[in-house]
All heavy atoms as atom14 arrays in JSON, in Angstrom:
{
  "sequence": "LGCIGTNMLREALGGDVAALDADFGPKSMLLLAVATSIDAL",
  "atom14_mask": [
    [1, 1, 1, 1, 1, 1, 1, 1, 0, 0, 0, 0, 0, 0],
    [1, 1, 1, 1, 0, 0, 0, 0, 0, 0, 0, 0, 0, 0],
    [1, 1, 1, 1, 1, 1, 0, 0, 0, 0, 0, 0, 0, 0],
    [1, 1, 1, 1, 1, 1, 1, 1, 0, 0, 0, 0, 0, 0],
    [1, 1, 1, 1, 0, 0, 0, 0, 0, 0, 0, 0, 0, 0],
    [1, 1, 1, 1, 1, 1, 1, 0, 0, 0, 0, 0, 0, 0],
    [1, 1, 1, 1, 1, 1, 1, 1, 0, 0, 0, 0, 0, 0],
    [1, 1, 1, 1, 1, 1, 1, 1, 0, 0, 0, 0, 0, 0],
    [1, 1, 1, 1, 1, 1, 1, 1, 0, 0, 0, 0, 0, 0],
    [1, 1, 1, 1, 1, 1, 1, 1, 1, 1, 1, 0, 0, 0],
    [1, 1, 1, 1, 1, 1, 1, 1, 1, 0, 0, 0, 0, 0],
    [1, 1, 1, 1, 1, 0, 0, 0, 0, 0, 0, 0, 0, 0],
    [1, 1, 1, 1, 1, 1, 1, 1, 0, 0, 0, 0, 0, 0],
    [1, 1, 1, 1, 0, 0, 0, 0, 0, 0, 0, 0, 0, 0],
    [1, 1, 1, 1, 0, 0, 0, 0, 0, 0, 0, 0, 0, 0],
    [1, 1, 1, 1, 1, 1, 1, 1, 0, 0, 0, 0, 0, 0],
    [1, 1, 1, 1, 1, 1, 1, 0, 0, 0, 0, 0, 0, 0],
    [1, 1, 1, 1, 1, 0, 0, 0, 0, 0, 0, 0, 0, 0],
    [1, 1, 1, 1, 1, 0, 0, 0, 0, 0, 0, 0, 0, 0],
    [1, 1, 1, 1, 1, 1, 1, 1, 0, 0, 0, 0, 0, 0],
    [1, 1, 1, 1, 1, 1, 1, 1, 0, 0, 0, 0, 0, 0],
    [1, 1, 1, 1, 1, 0, 0, 0, 0, 0, 0, 0, 0, 0],
    [1, 1, 1, 1, 1, 1, 1, 1, 0, 0, 0, 0, 0, 0],
    [1, 1, 1, 1, 1, 1, 1, 1, 1, 1, 1, 0, 0, 0],
    [1, 1, 1, 1, 0, 0, 0, 0, 0, 0, 0, 0, 0, 0],
    [1, 1, 1, 1, 1, 1, 1, 0, 0, 0, 0, 0, 0, 0],
    [1, 1, 1, 1, 1, 1, 1, 1, 1, 0, 0, 0, 0, 0],
    [1, 1, 1, 1, 1, 1, 0, 0, 0, 0, 0, 0, 0, 0],
    [1, 1, 1, 1, 1, 1, 1, 1, 0, 0, 0, 0, 0, 0],
    [1, 1, 1, 1, 1, 1, 1, 1, 0, 0, 0, 0, 0, 0],
    [1, 1, 1, 1, 1, 1, 1, 1, 0, 0, 0, 0, 0, 0],
    [1, 1, 1, 1, 1, 1, 1, 1, 0, 0, 0, 0, 0, 0],
    [1, 1, 1, 1, 1, 0, 0, 0, 0, 0, 0, 0, 0, 0],
    [1, 1, 1, 1, 1, 1, 1, 0, 0, 0, 0, 0, 0, 0],
    [1, 1, 1, 1, 1, 0, 0, 0, 0, 0, 0, 0, 0, 0],
    [1, 1, 1, 1, 1, 1, 1, 0, 0, 0, 0, 0, 0, 0],
    [1, 1, 1, 1, 1, 1, 0, 0, 0, 0, 0, 0, 0, 0],
    [1, 1, 1, 1, 1, 1, 1, 1, 0, 0, 0, 0, 0, 0],
    [1, 1, 1, 1, 1, 1, 1, 1, 0, 0, 0, 0, 0, 0],
    [1, 1, 1, 1, 1, 0, 0, 0, 0, 0, 0, 0, 0, 0],
    [1, 1, 1, 1, 1, 1, 1, 1, 0, 0, 0, 0, 0, 0]
  ],
  "atom14_positions": [
    [[119.32, 113.24, 93.15], [118.31, 112.64, 92.28], [116.94, 112.72, 92.85], [116.0, 113.03, 92.12], [118.68, 111.22, 91.92], [119.91, 111.02, 91.09], [120.26, 109.58, 90.95], [119.74, 111.66, 89.68], [0.0, 0.0, 0.0], [0.0, 0.0, 0.0], [0.0, 0.0, 0.0], [0.0, 0.0, 0.0], [0.0, 0.0, 0.0], [0.0, 0.0, 0.0]],
    [[116.79, 112.53, 94.14], [115.51, 112.64, 94.8], [114.95, 114.1, 94.75], [113.76, 114.26, 94.45], [0.0, 0.0, 0.0], [0.0, 0.0, 0.0], [0.0, 0.0, 0.0], [0.0, 0.0, 0.0], [0.0, 0.0, 0.0], [0.0, 0.0, 0.0], [0.0, 0.0, 0.0], [0.0, 0.0, 0.0], [0.0, 0.0, 0.0], [0.0, 0.0, 0.0]],
    [[115.77, 115.03, 94.98], [115.34, 116.48, 94.88], [114.98, 116.86, 93.47], [113.96, 117.53, 93.27], [116.48, 117.39, 95.4], [116.67, 117.34, 97.18], [0.0, 0.0, 0.0], [0.0, 0.0, 0.0], [0.0, 0.0, 0.0], [0.0, 0.0, 0.0], [0.0, 0.0, 0.0], [0.0, 0.0, 0.0], [0.0, 0.0, 0.0], [0.0, 0.0, 0.0]],
    [[115.78, 116.49, 92.51], [115.48, 116.78, 91.1], [114.18, 116.14, 90.7], [113.27, 116.75, 90.15], [116.62, 116.32, 90.17], [117.94, 117.09, 90.43], [116.24, 116.44, 88.71], [119.15, 116.48, 89.77], [0.0, 0.0, 0.0], [0.0, 0.0, 0.0], [0.0, 0.0, 0.0], [0.0, 0.0, 0.0], [0.0, 0.0, 0.0], [0.0, 0.0, 0.0]],
    [[114.02, 114.83, 91.05], [112.78, 114.1, 90.68], [111.57, 114.65, 91.39], [110.49, 114.81, 90.76], [0.0, 0.0, 0.0], [0.0, 0.0, 0.0], [0.0, 0.0, 0.0], [0.0, 0.0, 0.0], [0.0, 0.0, 0.0], [0.0, 0.0, 0.0], [0.0, 0.0, 0.0], [0.0, 0.0, 0.0], [0.0, 0.0, 0.0], [0.0, 0.0, 0.0]],
    [[111.75, 115.01, 92.69], [110.59, 115.51, 93.41], [110.16, 116.87, 92.83], [108.98, 117.18, 92.71], [110.98, 115.69, 94.91], [111.34, 114.37, 95.44], [109.83, 116.29, 95.72], [0.0, 0.0, 0.0], [0.0, 0.0, 0.0], [0.0, 0.0, 0.0], [0.0, 0.0, 0.0], [0.0, 0.0, 0.0], [0.0, 0.0, 0.0], [0.0, 0.0, 0.0]],
    [[111.14, 117.71, 92.48], [110.84, 118.98, 91.87], [110.1, 118.83, 90.54], [109.09, 119.53, 90.28], [112.14, 119.84, 91.69], [111.8, 121.22, 91.21], [110.98, 121.91, 91.78], [112.49, 121.65, 90.18], [0.0, 0.0, 0.0], [0.0, 0.0, 0.0], [0.0, 0.0, 0.0], [0.0, 0.0, 0.0], [0.0, 0.0, 0.0], [0.0, 0.0, 0.0]],
    [[110.47, 117.86, 89.75], [109.85, 117.6, 88.49], [108.41, 117.13, 88.75], [107.51, 117.52, 88.08], [110.62, 116.57, 87.68], [111.88, 117.13, 87.08], [112.87, 115.87, 86.22], [111.88, 115.61, 84.73], [0.0, 0.0, 0.0], [0.0, 0.0, 0.0], [0.0, 0.0, 0.0], [0.0, 0.0, 0.0], [0.0, 0.0, 0.0], [0.0, 0.0, 0.0]],
    [[108.25, 116.26, 89.75], [106.88, 115.8, 90.13], [106.01, 116.92, 90.59], [104.82, 117.03, 90.21], [106.96, 114.68, 91.14], [107.32, 113.31, 90.7], [107.55, 112.37, 91.87], [106.22, 112.73, 89.76], [0.0, 0.0, 0.0], [0.0, 0.0, 0.0], [0.0, 0.0, 0.0], [0.0, 0.0, 0.0], [0.0, 0.0, 0.0], [0.0, 0.0, 0.0]],
    [[106.57, 117.78, 91.45], [105.81, 118.88, 91.99], [105.38, 119.83, 90.88], [104.18, 120.26, 90.8], [106.69, 119.68, 93.0], [105.93, 120.83, 93.65], [106.84, 121.59, 94.6], [108.12, 121.98, 94.1], [108.39, 122.99, 93.23], [107.39, 123.71, 92.8], [109.59, 123.24, 92.8], [0.0, 0.0, 0.0], [0.0, 0.0, 0.0], [0.0, 0.0, 0.0]],
    [[106.24, 120.12, 89.9], [105.87, 120.96, 88.76], [104.81, 120.34, 87.92], [103.89, 120.96, 87.49], [107.08, 121.28, 87.94], [108.06, 122.24, 88.57], [109.36, 122.46, 87.73], [109.4, 121.98, 86.56], [110.26, 123.09, 88.23], [0.0, 0.0, 0.0], [0.0, 0.0, 0.0], [0.0, 0.0, 0.0], [0.0, 0.0, 0.0], [0.0, 0.0, 0.0]],
    [[104.95, 119.01, 87.72], [104.01, 118.32, 86.86], [102.65, 118.21, 87.53], [101.6, 118.41, 86.84], [104.5, 116.88, 86.56], [0.0, 0.0, 0.0], [0.0, 0.0, 0.0], [0.0, 0.0, 0.0], [0.0, 0.0, 0.0], [0.0, 0.0, 0.0], [0.0, 0.0, 0.0], [0.0, 0.0, 0.0], [0.0, 0.0, 0.0], [0.0, 0.0, 0.0]],
    [[102.57, 117.91, 88.79], [101.31, 117.81, 89.51], [100.66, 119.13, 89.84], [99.48, 119.17, 90.14], [101.48, 116.93, 90.77], [101.98, 115.48, 90.49], [102.29, 114.78, 91.77], [101.0, 114.78, 89.61], [0.0, 0.0, 0.0], [0.0, 0.0, 0.0], [0.0, 0.0, 0.0], [0.0, 0.0, 0.0], [0.0, 0.0, 0.0], [0.0, 0.0, 0.0]],
    [[101.46, 120.19, 89.78], [100.91, 121.51, 90.04], [100.04, 122.0, 88.94], [99.2, 122.91, 89.12], [0.0, 0.0, 0.0], [0.0, 0.0, 0.0], [0.0, 0.0, 0.0], [0.0, 0.0, 0.0], [0.0, 0.0, 0.0], [0.0, 0.0, 0.0], [0.0, 0.0, 0.0], [0.0, 0.0, 0.0], [0.0, 0.0, 0.0], [0.0, 0.0, 0.0]],
    [[100.15, 121.4, 87.78], [99.27, 121.68, 86.67], [99.53, 122.98, 85.97], [98.84, 123.38, 85.07], [0.0, 0.0, 0.0], [0.0, 0.0, 0.0], [0.0, 0.0, 0.0], [0.0, 0.0, 0.0], [0.0, 0.0, 0.0], [0.0, 0.0, 0.0], [0.0, 0.0, 0.0], [0.0, 0.0, 0.0], [0.0, 0.0, 0.0], [0.0, 0.0, 0.0]],
    [[100.6, 123.71, 86.33], [100.91, 124.97, 85.65], [101.37, 124.67, 84.24], [102.23, 123.83, 84.04], [102.07, 125.72, 86.4], [101.59, 126.18, 87.79], [100.38, 126.31, 88.01], [102.48, 126.34, 88.62], [0.0, 0.0, 0.0], [0.0, 0.0, 0.0], [0.0, 0.0, 0.0], [0.0, 0.0, 0.0], [0.0, 0.0, 0.0], [0.0, 0.0, 0.0]],
    [[100.81, 125.38, 83.33], [101.29, 125.27, 81.94], [102.12, 126.52, 81.67], [101.64, 127.62, 81.89], [100.12, 125.2, 80.96], [100.58, 125.16, 79.51], [99.28, 123.97, 81.26], [0.0, 0.0, 0.0], [0.0, 0.0, 0.0], [0.0, 0.0, 0.0], [0.0, 0.0, 0.0], [0.0, 0.0, 0.0], [0.0, 0.0, 0.0], [0.0, 0.0, 0.0]],
    [[103.32, 126.28, 81.23], [104.25, 127.41, 80.99], [103.66, 128.32, 79.93], [102.95, 127.86, 79.0], [105.62, 126.86, 80.58], [0.0, 0.0, 0.0], [0.0, 0.0, 0.0], [0.0, 0.0, 0.0], [0.0, 0.0, 0.0], [0.0, 0.0, 0.0], [0.0, 0.0, 0.0], [0.0, 0.0, 0.0], [0.0, 0.0, 0.0], [0.0, 0.0, 0.0]],
    [[104.04, 129.6, 79.99], [103.63, 130.51, 78.97], [104.17, 130.04, 77.63], [105.31, 129.69, 77.56], [104.09, 131.92, 79.33], [0.0, 0.0, 0.0], [0.0, 0.0, 0.0], [0.0, 0.0, 0.0], [0.0, 0.0, 0.0], [0.0, 0.0, 0.0], [0.0, 0.0, 0.0], [0.0, 0.0, 0.0], [0.0, 0.0, 0.0], [0.0, 0.0, 0.0]],
    [[103.38, 130.11, 76.61], [103.75, 129.64, 75.31], [104.57, 130.68, 74.62], [104.15, 131.85, 74.53], [102.55, 129.25, 74.49], [101.68, 128.13, 75.08], [100.49, 127.84, 74.17], [102.51, 126.9, 75.34], [0.0, 0.0, 0.0], [0.0, 0.0, 0.0], [0.0, 0.0, 0.0], [0.0, 0.0, 0.0], [0.0, 0.0, 0.0], [0.0, 0.0, 0.0]],
    [[105.73, 130.35, 74.12], [106.67, 131.3, 73.5], [107.04, 130.73, 72.13], [107.63, 129.69, 72.03], [107.89, 131.45, 74.38], [108.96, 132.38, 73.79], [108.65, 132.99, 72.8], [110.04, 132.44, 74.39], [0.0, 0.0, 0.0], [0.0, 0.0, 0.0], [0.0, 0.0, 0.0], [0.0, 0.0, 0.0], [0.0, 0.0, 0.0], [0.0, 0.0, 0.0]],
    [[106.67, 131.43, 71.09], [106.91, 130.96, 69.71], [108.26, 131.36, 69.19], [108.6, 131.09, 68.07], [105.77, 131.52, 68.8], [0.0, 0.0, 0.0], [0.0, 0.0, 0.0], [0.0, 0.0, 0.0], [0.0, 0.0, 0.0], [0.0, 0.0, 0.0], [0.0, 0.0, 0.0], [0.0, 0.0, 0.0], [0.0, 0.0, 0.0], [0.0, 0.0, 0.0]],
    [[109.12, 132.0, 70.01], [110.4, 132.48, 69.61], [111.41, 131.3, 69.54], [111.67, 130.7, 70.6], [110.89, 133.57, 70.52], [112.19, 134.25, 70.09], [112.7, 133.88, 68.96], [112.74, 135.07, 70.82], [0.0, 0.0, 0.0], [0.0, 0.0, 0.0], [0.0, 0.0, 0.0], [0.0, 0.0, 0.0], [0.0, 0.0, 0.0], [0.0, 0.0, 0.0]],
    [[111.99, 131.02, 68.4], [112.99, 129.99, 68.25], [114.38, 130.6, 68.03], [115.28, 129.94, 67.62], [112.64, 129.03, 67.1], [111.6, 128.05, 67.42], [110.24, 128.37, 67.45], [111.95, 126.72, 67.76], [109.27, 127.46, 67.75], [110.95, 125.74, 68.07], [109.65, 126.13, 68.07], [0.0, 0.0, 0.0], [0.0, 0.0, 0.0], [0.0, 0.0, 0.0]],
    [[114.5, 131.93, 68.33], [115.78, 132.59, 68.1], [116.81, 132.11, 69.15], [116.5, 131.56, 70.18], [0.0, 0.0, 0.0], [0.0, 0.0, 0.0], [0.0, 0.0, 0.0], [0.0, 0.0, 0.0], [0.0, 0.0, 0.0], [0.0, 0.0, 0.0], [0.0, 0.0, 0.0], [0.0, 0.0, 0.0], [0.0, 0.0, 0.0], [0.0, 0.0, 0.0]],
    [[118.08, 132.46, 68.84], [119.16, 131.99, 69.74], [119.02, 132.46, 71.21], [119.28, 131.68, 72.13], [120.43, 132.62, 69.11], [120.07, 132.81, 67.66], [118.59, 133.11, 67.65], [0.0, 0.0, 0.0], [0.0, 0.0, 0.0], [0.0, 0.0, 0.0], [0.0, 0.0, 0.0], [0.0, 0.0, 0.0], [0.0, 0.0, 0.0], [0.0, 0.0, 0.0]],
    [[118.65, 133.71, 71.41], [118.5, 134.2, 72.78], [117.47, 133.46, 73.57], [117.7, 132.98, 74.68], [118.24, 135.69, 72.79], [118.2, 136.22, 74.22], [117.91, 137.76, 74.2], [117.78, 138.27, 75.59], [117.45, 139.71, 75.6], [0.0, 0.0, 0.0], [0.0, 0.0, 0.0], [0.0, 0.0, 0.0], [0.0, 0.0, 0.0], [0.0, 0.0, 0.0]],
    [[116.29, 133.23, 72.99], [115.21, 132.56, 73.65], [115.6, 131.08, 73.86], [115.36, 130.53, 74.96], [113.95, 132.61, 72.77], [112.91, 131.85, 73.32], [0.0, 0.0, 0.0], [0.0, 0.0, 0.0], [0.0, 0.0, 0.0], [0.0, 0.0, 0.0], [0.0, 0.0, 0.0], [0.0, 0.0, 0.0], [0.0, 0.0, 0.0], [0.0, 0.0, 0.0]],
    [[116.14, 130.42, 72.86], [116.52, 129.02, 72.97], [117.65, 128.81, 73.98], [117.65, 127.83, 74.71], [116.83, 128.41, 71.61], [115.66, 128.36, 70.69], [114.22, 127.43, 71.31], [114.91, 125.76, 71.32], [0.0, 0.0, 0.0], [0.0, 0.0, 0.0], [0.0, 0.0, 0.0], [0.0, 0.0, 0.0], [0.0, 0.0, 0.0], [0.0, 0.0, 0.0]],
    [[118.62, 129.73, 73.96], [119.69, 129.62, 74.91], [119.22, 129.66, 76.39], [119.56, 128.81, 77.25], [120.74, 130.72, 74.71], [121.87, 130.83, 75.73], [122.79, 129.57, 75.66], [122.69, 132.07, 75.51], [0.0, 0.0, 0.0], [0.0, 0.0, 0.0], [0.0, 0.0, 0.0], [0.0, 0.0, 0.0], [0.0, 0.0, 0.0], [0.0, 0.0, 0.0]],
    [[118.36, 130.65, 76.68], [117.85, 130.79, 78.04], [117.05, 129.5, 78.38], [117.19, 129.0, 79.5], [116.97, 132.0, 78.15], [117.71, 133.32, 78.05], [116.71, 134.49, 77.98], [118.69, 133.47, 79.22], [0.0, 0.0, 0.0], [0.0, 0.0, 0.0], [0.0, 0.0, 0.0], [0.0, 0.0, 0.0], [0.0, 0.0, 0.0], [0.0, 0.0, 0.0]],
    [[116.23, 129.0, 77.53], [115.43, 127.85, 77.8], [116.3, 126.56, 77.93], [116.07, 125.76, 78.81], [114.39, 127.64, 76.67], [113.18, 126.78, 76.99], [112.47, 127.17, 78.29], [112.22, 126.84, 75.82], [0.0, 0.0, 0.0], [0.0, 0.0, 0.0], [0.0, 0.0, 0.0], [0.0, 0.0, 0.0], [0.0, 0.0, 0.0], [0.0, 0.0, 0.0]],
    [[117.32, 126.46, 77.08], [118.23, 125.3, 77.16], [118.98, 125.29, 78.49], [119.15, 124.23, 79.11], [119.19, 125.31, 75.99], [0.0, 0.0, 0.0], [0.0, 0.0, 0.0], [0.0, 0.0, 0.0], [0.0, 0.0, 0.0], [0.0, 0.0, 0.0], [0.0, 0.0, 0.0], [0.0, 0.0, 0.0], [0.0, 0.0, 0.0], [0.0, 0.0, 0.0]],
    [[119.46, 126.44, 78.92], [120.16, 126.53, 80.23], [119.22, 126.17, 81.35], [119.52, 125.38, 82.23], [120.83, 127.91, 80.39], [121.34, 128.08, 81.86], [121.94, 128.12, 79.43], [0.0, 0.0, 0.0], [0.0, 0.0, 0.0], [0.0, 0.0, 0.0], [0.0, 0.0, 0.0], [0.0, 0.0, 0.0], [0.0, 0.0, 0.0], [0.0, 0.0, 0.0]],
    [[118.02, 126.77, 81.32], [117.04, 126.52, 82.39], [116.64, 125.09, 82.54], [116.49, 124.56, 83.62], [115.81, 127.41, 82.14], [0.0, 0.0, 0.0], [0.0, 0.0, 0.0], [0.0, 0.0, 0.0], [0.0, 0.0, 0.0], [0.0, 0.0, 0.0], [0.0, 0.0, 0.0], [0.0, 0.0, 0.0], [0.0, 0.0, 0.0], [0.0, 0.0, 0.0]],
    [[116.48, 124.38, 81.38], [116.07, 122.99, 81.45], [117.23, 122.03, 81.73], [116.98, 120.89, 81.97], [115.34, 122.57, 80.15], [116.23, 122.79, 79.04], [114.05, 123.29, 79.93], [0.0, 0.0, 0.0], [0.0, 0.0, 0.0], [0.0, 0.0, 0.0], [0.0, 0.0, 0.0], [0.0, 0.0, 0.0], [0.0, 0.0, 0.0], [0.0, 0.0, 0.0]],
    [[118.47, 122.52, 81.66], [119.59, 121.63, 81.89], [120.28, 121.82, 83.26], [121.3, 121.17, 83.51], [120.6, 121.79, 80.78], [121.18, 123.1, 80.77], [0.0, 0.0, 0.0], [0.0, 0.0, 0.0], [0.0, 0.0, 0.0], [0.0, 0.0, 0.0], [0.0, 0.0, 0.0], [0.0, 0.0, 0.0], [0.0, 0.0, 0.0], [0.0, 0.0, 0.0]],
    [[119.76, 122.65, 84.12], [120.33, 122.81, 85.45], [120.33, 121.48, 86.19], [121.26, 121.16, 86.91], [119.58, 123.94, 86.24], [119.71, 125.28, 85.56], [120.07, 123.95, 87.69], [121.16, 125.75, 85.47], [0.0, 0.0, 0.0], [0.0, 0.0, 0.0], [0.0, 0.0, 0.0], [0.0, 0.0, 0.0], [0.0, 0.0, 0.0], [0.0, 0.0, 0.0]],
    [[119.22, 120.72, 86.03], [119.18, 119.41, 86.68], [120.31, 118.48, 86.2], [120.89, 117.72, 86.96], [117.86, 118.75, 86.36], [116.66, 119.41, 86.96], [116.87, 120.35, 87.8], [115.51, 119.07, 86.63], [0.0, 0.0, 0.0], [0.0, 0.0, 0.0], [0.0, 0.0, 0.0], [0.0, 0.0, 0.0], [0.0, 0.0, 0.0], [0.0, 0.0, 0.0]],
    [[120.66, 118.66, 84.96], [121.75, 117.78, 84.36], [123.11, 118.19, 84.98], [123.96, 117.3, 85.11], [121.81, 117.96, 82.87], [0.0, 0.0, 0.0], [0.0, 0.0, 0.0], [0.0, 0.0, 0.0], [0.0, 0.0, 0.0], [0.0, 0.0, 0.0], [0.0, 0.0, 0.0], [0.0, 0.0, 0.0], [0.0, 0.0, 0.0], [0.0, 0.0, 0.0]],
    [[123.27, 119.47, 85.36], [124.5, 119.87, 86.04], [124.62, 119.17, 87.39], [125.69, 118.59, 87.71], [124.47, 121.4, 86.25], [125.66, 122.0, 86.97], [126.92, 121.95, 86.06], [125.37, 123.44, 87.42], [0.0, 0.0, 0.0], [0.0, 0.0, 0.0], [0.0, 0.0, 0.0], [0.0, 0.0, 0.0], [0.0, 0.0, 0.0], [0.0, 0.0, 0.0]]
  ]
}
């Protein structure tokens, strides 16, 4: 939990704004859903 939380804080405080992607198709959403749920694993 400390590592996950620290990583989230580091990303937030780094100020990087992710590239904006207007694609709501299954391939794009699947990749994004997996990427954002690794912490949940």
